[in-house]
């Protein structure tokens, strides 16, 4: 394969230097570099991405797209597909800060109602001790877990500063009401981790449904992203019922916007036909837990631990 041209390098550099880019910005850069509009030259755009990923694969990097589940915007970013001790040296965050981030992510995905966020108060009250078994290697066999002094001394002011930095770096985000949600970088980097830990997927796109609408039948686990919901129920001859159990689906939908498969040409060189949803979920759970928290300048390779899935019934029991 011919080496990458300066245009390919410039496209990669733009993503690396500016962080995850909105689709419009990414395509605008592509158009400026090639003199072609990505819309009219979709095949050329796809070929650029395939060629870039073929080269990046040699160093275990990948140019990937994802949707911001809170507003449906598509972002492009470069992620590191390796999680090892050497990669951890590339992070600018300390061990307690990484543990704090992990605790927040876990708290968000444990929401059985798929709200996709927690209050800032709950975020600041995350206990770092629960992350000792993954953030350190200080757990002795058959003995009590040793809590590092750095965890014990991680103050509230340090948490506040870390939370602010995580939002700034797009690992987390803030809602209009001040709540804390998953950031675009996390959606990019934690795809395999979400799947391996059985975080419920959207029935339409099969991507993790952190922020989604849920079926009103409490025995049903179907979730739908708001943008996937618009696409599905706007189609003619499609009843407003749950695709899993047939329960009437309540909630408002608006006119559907374009929701094309934005990353089908990025994440796979040879896209396969869609699999049945249950089969896809079983398969995804068997995938290697290879996704990382970062791509070069931040939470690189801070692999999250496996978590027990929380259902709506168990959430109610724990609250009583």
Protein backbone atom coordinates (compact mmCIF):
# COMPACT_ATOMS: atom_id res chain seq x y z
CA UNK A 1 0.00 0.00 0.00
CA UNK A 2 1.38 3.46 -0.91
CA UNK A 3 2.42 5.57 2.09
CA UNK A 4 0.06 8.16 3.46
CA UNK A 5 0.15 11.53 1.75
CA UNK A 6 0.56 14.85 3.51
CA UNK A 7 -3.22 15.24 3.31
CA UNK A 8 -3.75 12.05 5.30
CA UNK A 9 -1.21 13.20 7.88
CA UNK A 10 -2.85 16.61 8.16
CA UNK A 11 -6.24 14.99 8.73
CA UNK A 12 -4.82 12.77 11.48
CA UNK A 13 -2.98 15.68 13.08
CA UNK A 14 -6.10 17.80 13.18
CA UNK A 15 -7.88 15.15 15.25
CA UNK A 16 -4.91 14.51 17.53
CA UNK A 17 -4.25 18.18 18.24
CA UNK A 18 -7.84 19.36 18.63
CA UNK A 19 -9.36 16.30 20.26
CA UNK A 20 -12.61 14.70 19.09
CA UNK A 21 -14.05 16.77 16.24
CA UNK A 22 -17.69 17.22 15.33
CA UNK A 23 -18.54 15.60 12.03
CA UNK A 24 -19.12 18.95 10.29
CA UNK A 25 -15.70 20.21 11.39
CA UNK A 26 -13.98 16.96 10.42
CA UNK A 27 -15.58 16.93 6.98
CA UNK A 28 -14.79 20.61 6.52
CA UNK A 29 -11.09 19.90 7.13
CA UNK A 30 -11.27 17.02 4.66
CA UNK A 31 -12.79 19.32 2.04
CA UNK A 32 -10.12 21.98 2.57
CA UNK A 33 -7.35 19.39 2.23
CA UNK A 34 -8.68 17.61 -0.84
CA UNK A 35 -10.65 20.33 -2.59
CA UNK A 36 -13.57 17.92 -2.62
CA UNK A 37 -16.76 18.03 -0.58
CA UNK A 38 -17.18 14.89 1.51
CA UNK A 39 -20.88 14.75 0.65
CA UNK A 40 -20.40 14.58 -3.12
CA UNK A 41 -17.23 12.51 -2.80
CA UNK A 42 -18.34 10.02 -0.15
CA UNK A 43 -16.35 7.20 -1.73
CA UNK A 44 -13.15 9.26 -1.60
CA UNK A 45 -13.91 10.21 2.02
CA UNK A 46 -14.36 6.54 2.94
CA UNK A 47 -11.16 5.57 1.15
CA UNK A 48 -9.23 8.19 3.10
CA UNK A 49 -10.53 6.79 6.37
CA UNK A 50 -9.82 3.18 5.39
CA UNK A 51 -6.29 4.00 4.34
CA UNK A 52 -5.61 5.96 7.52
CA UNK A 53 -6.89 3.12 9.70
CA UNK A 54 -4.85 0.55 7.79
CA UNK A 55 -1.70 2.49 8.71
CA UNK A 56 -2.77 3.35 12.26
CA UNK A 57 -3.44 -0.34 12.96
CA UNK A 58 0.32 -1.00 12.95
CA UNK A 59 0.63 1.06 16.11
CA UNK A 60 -2.68 -0.13 17.58
CA UNK A 61 -4.48 3.16 16.99
CA UNK A 62 -7.80 3.70 15.26
CA UNK A 63 -9.72 6.61 13.77
CA UNK A 64 -13.23 6.09 15.03
CA UNK A 65 -16.60 7.81 15.02
CA UNK A 66 -19.24 7.87 17.72
CA UNK A 67 -22.42 9.69 18.62
CA UNK A 68 -22.82 11.95 21.60
CA UNK A 69 -25.80 10.19 23.13
CA UNK A 70 -27.13 13.37 24.72
CA UNK A 71 -27.69 15.29 21.47
CA UNK A 72 -27.00 12.83 18.65
CA UNK A 73 -24.00 14.73 17.24
CA UNK A 74 -21.35 12.61 15.52
CA UNK A 75 -17.70 12.99 16.53
CA UNK A 76 -14.46 11.64 15.08
CA UNK A 77 -11.42 10.83 17.20
CA UNK A 78 -8.28 8.70 17.37
CA UNK A 79 -8.19 6.04 20.09
CA UNK A 80 -5.54 3.72 21.45
CA UNK A 81 -6.54 0.06 21.22
CA UNK A 82 -3.88 -1.18 23.64
CA UNK A 83 -4.20 -1.32 27.42
CA UNK A 84 -0.94 -2.13 29.19
CA UNK A 85 1.37 -0.80 31.88
CA UNK A 86 3.54 1.02 29.36
CA UNK A 87 0.54 2.89 27.95
CA UNK A 88 -0.42 4.07 31.43
CA UNK A 89 2.75 6.17 31.50
CA UNK A 90 1.15 8.46 28.91
CA UNK A 91 -1.54 9.78 31.22
CA UNK A 92 -1.52 13.23 32.78
CA UNK A 93 -3.92 12.11 35.51
CA UNK A 94 -2.81 10.67 38.82
CA UNK A 95 -3.93 7.26 40.13
CA UNK A 96 -6.52 8.81 42.50
CA UNK A 97 -7.87 10.98 39.69
CA UNK A 98 -8.26 7.94 37.43
CA UNK A 99 -10.01 6.04 40.22
CA UNK A 100 -12.33 9.02 40.72
CA UNK A 101 -13.18 9.03 37.00
CA UNK A 102 -13.85 5.29 37.02
CA UNK A 103 -16.19 5.63 39.96
CA UNK A 104 -18.20 8.32 38.18
CA UNK A 105 -18.50 6.29 34.97
CA UNK A 106 -19.63 3.22 36.90
CA UNK A 107 -22.23 5.22 38.81
CA UNK A 108 -23.66 6.61 35.56
CA UNK A 109 -23.96 3.27 33.78
CA UNK A 110 -25.52 1.66 36.85
CA UNK A 111 -28.59 3.88 36.43
CA UNK A 112 -31.31 1.36 35.58
CA UNK A 113 -33.47 4.16 34.16
CA UNK A 114 -30.83 5.04 31.52
CA UNK A 115 -30.79 8.70 32.50
CA UNK A 116 -27.11 8.86 31.55
CA UNK A 117 -26.07 11.20 34.35
CA UNK A 118 -25.67 11.71 38.08
CA UNK A 119 -25.81 14.83 40.20
CA UNK A 120 -22.60 16.73 40.80
CA UNK A 121 -23.06 16.05 44.51
CA UNK A 122 -23.18 12.30 43.92
CA UNK A 123 -20.13 12.58 41.69
CA UNK A 124 -18.12 14.41 44.34
CA UNK A 125 -19.14 11.86 46.94
CA UNK A 126 -17.73 8.92 44.96
CA UNK A 127 -15.61 6.78 47.27
CA UNK A 128 -12.19 6.01 45.84
CA UNK A 129 -11.77 3.00 48.12
CA UNK A 130 -14.08 1.00 45.84
CA UNK A 131 -11.52 1.37 43.06
CA UNK A 132 -8.54 0.01 44.97
CA UNK A 133 -8.76 -3.43 43.37
CA UNK A 134 -8.35 -1.98 39.88
CA UNK A 135 -6.30 1.14 40.48
CA UNK A 136 -3.55 -0.52 42.48
CA UNK A 137 -1.91 -3.88 42.96
CA UNK A 138 -1.85 -3.60 46.72
CA UNK A 139 -4.50 -6.19 47.51
CA UNK A 140 -2.88 -9.07 49.36
CA UNK A 141 -4.11 -12.60 48.85
CA UNK A 142 -6.44 -13.66 51.60
CA UNK A 143 -5.92 -10.39 53.46
CA UNK A 144 -7.58 -7.03 53.77
CA UNK A 145 -7.37 -4.55 50.93
CA UNK A 146 -4.79 -1.85 51.56
CA UNK A 147 -6.10 1.62 50.73
CA UNK A 148 -3.30 3.85 49.41
CA UNK A 149 -2.66 7.03 51.35
CA UNK A 150 -3.21 9.03 48.15
CA UNK A 151 -6.78 7.72 48.05
CA UNK A 152 -7.44 8.55 51.69
CA UNK A 153 -6.00 12.04 51.29
CA UNK A 154 -7.85 12.87 48.07
CA UNK A 155 -9.75 15.92 49.27
CA UNK A 156 -13.05 17.41 48.16
CA UNK A 157 -11.26 20.35 46.57
CA UNK A 158 -9.10 17.91 44.58
CA UNK A 159 -12.23 16.12 43.42
CA UNK A 160 -13.76 19.41 42.32
CA UNK A 161 -10.66 20.36 40.33
CA UNK A 162 -10.44 16.88 38.79
CA UNK A 163 -14.10 16.94 37.82
CA UNK A 164 -13.61 20.31 36.15
CA UNK A 165 -10.59 18.99 34.23
CA UNK A 166 -12.38 15.80 33.14
CA UNK A 167 -15.20 17.91 31.72
CA UNK A 168 -12.73 20.23 30.00
CA UNK A 169 -10.95 17.24 28.42
CA UNK A 170 -14.31 15.79 27.30
CA UNK A 171 -14.06 12.60 29.36
CA UNK A 172 -17.17 13.79 31.17
CA UNK A 173 -19.75 16.46 30.36
CA UNK A 174 -22.14 18.71 32.23
CA UNK A 175 -25.88 18.87 31.55
CA UNK A 176 -27.96 22.05 31.45
CA UNK A 177 -29.19 21.25 34.97
CA UNK A 178 -25.63 20.82 36.26
CA UNK A 179 -25.61 17.02 36.32
CA UNK A 180 -22.59 15.03 35.18
CA UNK A 181 -22.69 12.76 32.11
CA UNK A 182 -20.38 10.68 29.94
CA UNK A 183 -18.10 12.72 27.67
CA UNK A 184 -17.42 12.25 23.98
CA UNK A 185 -13.95 10.84 24.62
CA UNK A 186 -15.44 8.16 26.84
CA UNK A 187 -18.00 7.20 24.20
CA UNK A 188 -15.12 6.85 21.74
CA UNK A 189 -12.73 4.92 23.95
CA UNK A 190 -14.95 2.69 26.06
CA UNK A 191 -17.00 1.00 23.35
CA UNK A 192 -15.68 -2.53 23.96
CA UNK A 193 -15.70 -2.07 27.73
CA UNK A 194 -19.37 -1.11 27.65
CA UNK A 195 -20.17 -4.22 25.64
CA UNK A 196 -18.00 -6.58 27.67
CA UNK A 197 -19.72 -5.42 30.83
CA UNK A 198 -23.20 -5.96 29.37
CA UNK A 199 -24.26 -2.34 29.47
CA UNK A 200 -27.59 -2.62 27.59
CA UNK A 201 -27.41 -1.72 23.91
CA UNK A 202 -29.84 0.24 21.77
CA UNK A 203 -32.15 -2.13 19.89
CA UNK A 204 -31.78 -0.10 16.68
CA UNK A 205 -28.06 0.67 16.34
CA UNK A 206 -26.64 -1.91 18.79
CA UNK A 207 -24.42 0.72 20.39
CA UNK A 208 -24.35 1.06 24.16
CA UNK A 209 -27.41 2.90 25.44
CA UNK A 210 -26.11 4.97 28.35
CA UNK A 211 -28.59 7.77 27.67
CA UNK A 212 -31.78 6.29 26.24
CA UNK A 213 -35.49 5.73 26.58
CA UNK A 214 -36.55 2.41 28.12
CA UNK A 215 -39.49 0.13 27.54
CA UNK A 216 -42.27 0.63 30.10
CA UNK A 217 -42.52 -3.12 30.55
CA UNK A 218 -40.24 -3.66 33.54
CA UNK A 219 -39.53 -7.22 32.46
CA UNK A 220 -38.16 -5.94 29.13
CA UNK A 221 -34.59 -4.67 28.74
CA UNK A 222 -35.02 -2.83 25.43
CA UNK A 223 -33.50 0.64 25.22
CA UNK A 224 -33.60 3.13 22.35
CA UNK A 225 -31.49 6.24 21.84
CA UNK A 226 -33.59 9.34 21.25
CA UNK A 227 -32.18 9.74 17.73
CA UNK A 228 -32.74 6.05 16.94
CA UNK A 229 -36.27 6.36 18.29
CA UNK A 230 -36.97 9.20 15.85
CA UNK A 231 -35.62 7.14 12.98
CA UNK A 232 -37.54 3.98 13.82
CA UNK A 233 -40.94 5.42 14.62
CA UNK A 234 -40.90 7.93 11.77
CA UNK A 235 -40.87 5.12 9.23
CA UNK A 236 -44.17 4.32 7.60
CA UNK A 237 -45.95 1.12 8.65
CA UNK A 238 -43.94 0.93 11.87
CA UNK A 239 -46.12 0.85 14.95
CA UNK A 240 -45.11 2.70 18.09
CA UNK A 241 -44.47 -0.48 20.04
CA UNK A 242 -41.41 -1.94 21.73
CA UNK A 243 -39.40 -3.98 19.20
CA UNK A 244 -38.65 -6.50 21.93
CA UNK A 245 -41.94 -7.23 23.72
CA UNK A 246 -44.57 -5.35 21.72
CA UNK A 247 -45.57 -3.04 24.57
CA UNK A 248 -46.97 0.33 23.47
CA UNK A 249 -44.08 2.81 23.41
CA UNK A 250 -44.92 6.09 25.09
CA UNK A 251 -43.06 9.35 24.79
CA UNK A 252 -42.80 12.08 22.22
CA UNK A 253 -40.92 11.85 18.95
CA UNK A 254 -40.25 14.52 16.35
CA UNK A 255 -39.54 14.42 12.66
CA UNK A 256 -36.59 12.16 12.06
CA UNK A 257 -33.26 13.59 11.03
CA UNK A 258 -30.67 11.79 8.99
CA UNK A 259 -29.24 8.98 11.09
CA UNK A 260 -27.06 7.10 8.67
CA UNK A 261 -24.56 4.51 9.82
CA UNK A 262 -21.88 7.10 10.43
CA UNK A 263 -19.01 4.74 11.28
CA UNK A 264 -19.66 1.67 9.16
CA UNK A 265 -16.80 2.66 6.91
CA UNK A 266 -14.42 3.49 9.75
CA UNK A 267 -14.49 0.70 12.29
CA UNK A 268 -14.44 -2.21 9.87
CA UNK A 269 -12.64 -2.83 6.62
CA UNK A 270 -15.18 -5.50 5.66
CA UNK A 271 -18.56 -4.68 7.18
CA UNK A 272 -20.66 -7.74 7.93
CA UNK A 273 -24.46 -8.03 7.65
CA UNK A 274 -26.29 -7.10 10.87
CA UNK A 275 -26.73 -9.97 13.32
CA UNK A 276 -29.86 -10.67 15.37
CA UNK A 277 -29.80 -8.47 18.47
CA UNK A 278 -29.51 -11.30 21.03
CA UNK A 279 -26.71 -12.93 19.07
CA UNK A 280 -24.89 -9.61 18.81
CA UNK A 281 -25.13 -9.09 22.55
CA UNK A 282 -23.72 -12.53 23.33
CA UNK A 283 -20.93 -11.96 20.85
CA UNK A 284 -20.09 -8.50 22.17
CA UNK A 285 -19.81 -9.82 25.71
CA UNK A 286 -17.06 -12.16 24.52
CA UNK A 287 -15.00 -9.38 22.95
CA UNK A 288 -11.65 -8.57 24.48
CA UNK A 289 -11.75 -5.81 27.04
CA UNK A 290 -9.33 -3.82 24.96
CA UNK A 291 -10.74 -0.33 24.96
CA UNK A 292 -8.89 2.30 26.91
CA UNK A 293 -9.62 5.56 28.63
CA UNK A 294 -7.71 7.93 26.45
CA UNK A 295 -5.71 8.41 23.32
CA UNK A 296 -2.31 9.87 24.02
CA UNK A 297 -2.70 12.88 26.27
CA UNK A 298 -5.05 11.88 29.03
CA UNK A 299 -6.46 8.76 30.72
CA UNK A 300 -4.56 6.31 28.55
CA UNK A 301 -5.20 2.61 29.15
CA UNK A 302 -7.01 2.98 32.45
CA UNK A 303 -9.16 -0.10 31.88
CA UNK A 304 -12.33 -0.15 33.89
CA UNK A 305 -13.33 -3.17 35.98
CA UNK A 306 -16.20 -5.45 35.14
CA UNK A 307 -19.39 -4.47 36.88
CA UNK A 308 -22.55 -6.32 37.86
CA UNK A 309 -25.47 -5.21 35.75
CA UNK A 310 -28.24 -3.37 37.59
CA UNK A 311 -31.86 -3.90 36.53
CA UNK A 312 -34.80 -1.68 37.32
CA UNK A 313 -36.13 -4.25 39.79
CA UNK A 314 -32.82 -4.54 41.66
CA UNK A 315 -32.49 -0.75 41.71
CA UNK A 316 -35.83 -0.44 43.45
CA UNK A 317 -34.92 -3.16 45.95
CA UNK A 318 -31.65 -1.48 46.84
CA UNK A 319 -33.43 1.84 47.34
CA UNK A 320 -35.92 0.36 49.82
